[in-house]
C-alpha atoms as a PDB file:
ATOM      1  CA  THR A   1      25.319  25.595  13.334  1.00  0.00           C
ATOM      2  CA  SER A   2      23.796  27.869  10.725  1.00  0.00           C
ATOM      3  CA  ALA A   3      24.277  25.194   8.059  1.00  0.00           C
ATOM      4  CA  SER A   4      22.463  22.599  10.149  1.00  0.00           C
ATOM      5  CA  SER A   5      19.595  24.984  10.854  1.00  0.00           C
ATOM      6  CA  GLY A   6      19.301  25.629   7.117  1.00  0.00           C
ATOM      7  CA  VAL A   7      18.886  21.897   6.525  1.00  0.00           C
ATOM      8  CA  GLY A   8      16.213  21.731   9.207  1.00  0.00           C
ATOM      9  CA  GLU A   9      14.396  24.719   7.727  1.00  0.00           C
ATOM     10  CA  ALA A  10      14.492  23.132   4.258  1.00  0.00           C
ATOM     11  CA  ALA A  11      13.086  19.885   5.669  1.00  0.00           C
ATOM     12  CA  ASP A  12      10.355  21.802   7.488  1.00  0.00           C
ATOM     13  CA  ALA A  13       9.494  23.688   4.300  1.00  0.00           C
ATOM     14  CA  ALA A  14       9.310  20.415   2.339  1.00  0.00           C
ATOM     15  CA  THR A  15       7.053  18.872   4.990  1.00  0.00           C
ATOM     16  CA  VAL A  16       4.733  21.883   4.996  1.00  0.00           C
ATOM     17  CA  SER A  17       4.676  21.901   1.187  1.00  0.00           C
ATOM     18  CA  ALA A  18       3.813  18.199   1.042  1.00  0.00           C
ATOM     19  CA  ALA A  19       1.083  18.604   3.661  1.00  0.00           C
ATOM     20  CA  ALA A  20      -0.388  21.610   1.871  1.00  0.00           C
ATOM     21  CA  SER A  21      -0.550  19.804  -1.475  1.00  0.00           C
ATOM     22  CA  GLY A  22      -3.519  17.736  -0.295  1.00  0.00           C
ATOM     23  CA  PHE A  23      -4.478  14.232  -1.356  1.00  0.00           C
ATOM     24  CA  ASN A  24      -1.870  12.602  -3.610  1.00  0.00           C
ATOM     25  CA  GLN A  25      -0.999   9.259  -5.189  1.00  0.00           C
ATOM     26  CA  GLY A  26       0.687   7.951  -2.034  1.00  0.00           C
ATOM     27  CA  ASP A  27      -2.441   8.670  -0.001  1.00  0.00           C
ATOM     28  CA  ALA A  28      -4.545   6.777  -2.540  1.00  0.00           C
ATOM     29  CA  MET A  29      -2.165   3.816  -2.407  1.00  0.00           C
ATOM     30  CA  ILE A  30      -2.376   3.700   1.395  1.00  0.00           C
ATOM     31  CA  LEU A  31      -6.168   3.817   1.304  1.00  0.00           C
ATOM     32  CA  LEU A  32      -6.322   1.086  -1.343  1.00  0.00           C
ATOM     33  CA  GLY A  33      -3.962  -1.048   0.740  1.00  0.00           C
ATOM     34  CA  ALA A  34      -6.127  -0.575   3.831  1.00  0.00           C
ATOM     35  CA  LEU A  35      -9.263  -1.395   1.844  1.00  0.00           C
ATOM     36  CA  SER A  36      -7.639  -4.509   0.385  1.00  0.00           C
ATOM     37  CA  TRP A  37      -6.486  -5.680   3.801  1.00  0.00           C
ATOM     38  CA  SER A  38      -9.974  -5.126   5.239  1.00  0.00           C
ATOM     39  CA  ALA A  39     -11.536  -7.117   2.396  1.00  0.00           C
ATOM     40  CA  TYR A  40      -8.968  -9.885   2.921  1.00  0.00           C
ATOM     41  CA  ILE A  41      -9.757 -10.124   6.641  1.00  0.00           C
ATOM     42  CA  PHE A  42     -13.502 -10.042   6.001  1.00  0.00           C
ATOM     43  CA  ARG A  43     -13.412 -12.748   3.299  1.00  0.00           C
ATOM     44  CA  THR A  44     -10.984 -14.947   5.249  1.00  0.00           C
ATOM     45  CA  SER A  45     -13.182 -14.800   8.340  1.00  0.00           C
ATOM     46  CA  LYS A  46     -16.160 -15.907   6.243  1.00  0.00           C
ATOM     47  CA  LEU A  47     -14.165 -18.796   4.756  1.00  0.00           C
ATOM     48  CA  ALA A  48     -12.828 -19.849   8.165  1.00  0.00           C
ATOM     49  CA  ASN A  49     -16.280 -21.050   9.151  1.00  0.00           C
ATOM     50  CA  HIS A  50     -16.286 -23.631   6.325  1.00  0.00           C
ATOM     51  CA  TYR A  51     -12.707 -24.972   6.227  1.00  0.00           C
ATOM     52  CA  SER A  52     -10.203 -26.296   8.716  1.00  0.00           C
ATOM     53  CA  GLU A  53      -7.416 -23.941   9.787  1.00  0.00           C
ATOM     54  CA  LEU A  54      -4.738 -26.118   8.220  1.00  0.00           C
ATOM     55  CA  ASN A  55      -6.465 -26.354   4.829  1.00  0.00           C
ATOM     56  CA  LEU A  56      -7.199 -22.631   4.773  1.00  0.00           C
ATOM     57  CA  GLN A  57      -3.611 -21.739   5.647  1.00  0.00           C
ATOM     58  CA  PHE A  58      -2.310 -24.121   2.979  1.00  0.00           C
ATOM     59  CA  ALA A  59      -4.568 -22.530   0.355  1.00  0.00           C
ATOM     60  CA  LYS A  60      -3.478 -19.001   1.323  1.00  0.00           C
ATOM     61  CA  THR A  61       0.202 -19.972   1.258  1.00  0.00           C
ATOM     62  CA  ALA A  62      -0.132 -21.759  -2.102  1.00  0.00           C
ATOM     63  CA  LEU A  63      -1.937 -18.772  -3.633  1.00  0.00           C
ATOM     64  CA  LEU A  64       0.751 -16.374  -2.413  1.00  0.00           C
ATOM     65  CA  ALA A  65       3.487 -18.688  -3.712  1.00  0.00           C
ATOM     66  CA  VAL A  66       1.880 -18.642  -7.168  1.00  0.00           C
ATOM     67  CA  MET A  67       1.470 -14.855  -7.086  1.00  0.00           C
ATOM     68  CA  TYR A  68       5.048 -14.235  -5.917  1.00  0.00           C
ATOM     69  CA  GLY A  69       6.306 -16.745  -8.475  1.00  0.00           C
ATOM     70  CA  GLY A  70       4.533 -14.849 -11.240  1.00  0.00           C
ATOM     71  CA  TRP A  71       5.960 -11.579  -9.993  1.00  0.00           C
ATOM     72  CA  PHE A  72       9.460 -13.095  -9.905  1.00  0.00           C
ATOM     73  CA  LEU A  73       9.136 -14.525 -13.415  1.00  0.00           C
ATOM     74  CA  SER A  74       7.838 -11.267 -14.867  1.00  0.00           C
ATOM     75  CA  THR A  75      10.669  -9.326 -13.210  1.00  0.00           C
ATOM     76  CA  ALA A  76      13.261 -11.849 -14.408  1.00  0.00           C
ATOM     77  CA  ALA A  77      11.857 -11.731 -17.949  1.00  0.00           C
ATOM     78  CA  SER A  78      11.985  -7.936 -18.036  1.00  0.00           C
ATOM     79  CA  MET A  79      15.608  -7.967 -16.831  1.00  0.00           C
ATOM     80  CA  ILE A  80      16.645 -10.472 -19.490  1.00  0.00           C
ATOM     81  CA  SER A  81      15.134  -8.588 -22.405  1.00  0.00           C
END
């Protein structure tokens, strides 16, 4: 059991070390994601007053398809070269 307690102590030390290091890149990414999602909800709610639900959903889906397609193509191109 001493080996398993050593693993637990190492994990606790890593957690304390990470918490003591303060604000890091991961924290910034989470905050940017939350800010982006809030902006998305805010803008979509404003647009919802002017367009039908079906047209708005189609536009959102088409935009995401184009964005994911671009991401796929850029990833595929980088793997080929």
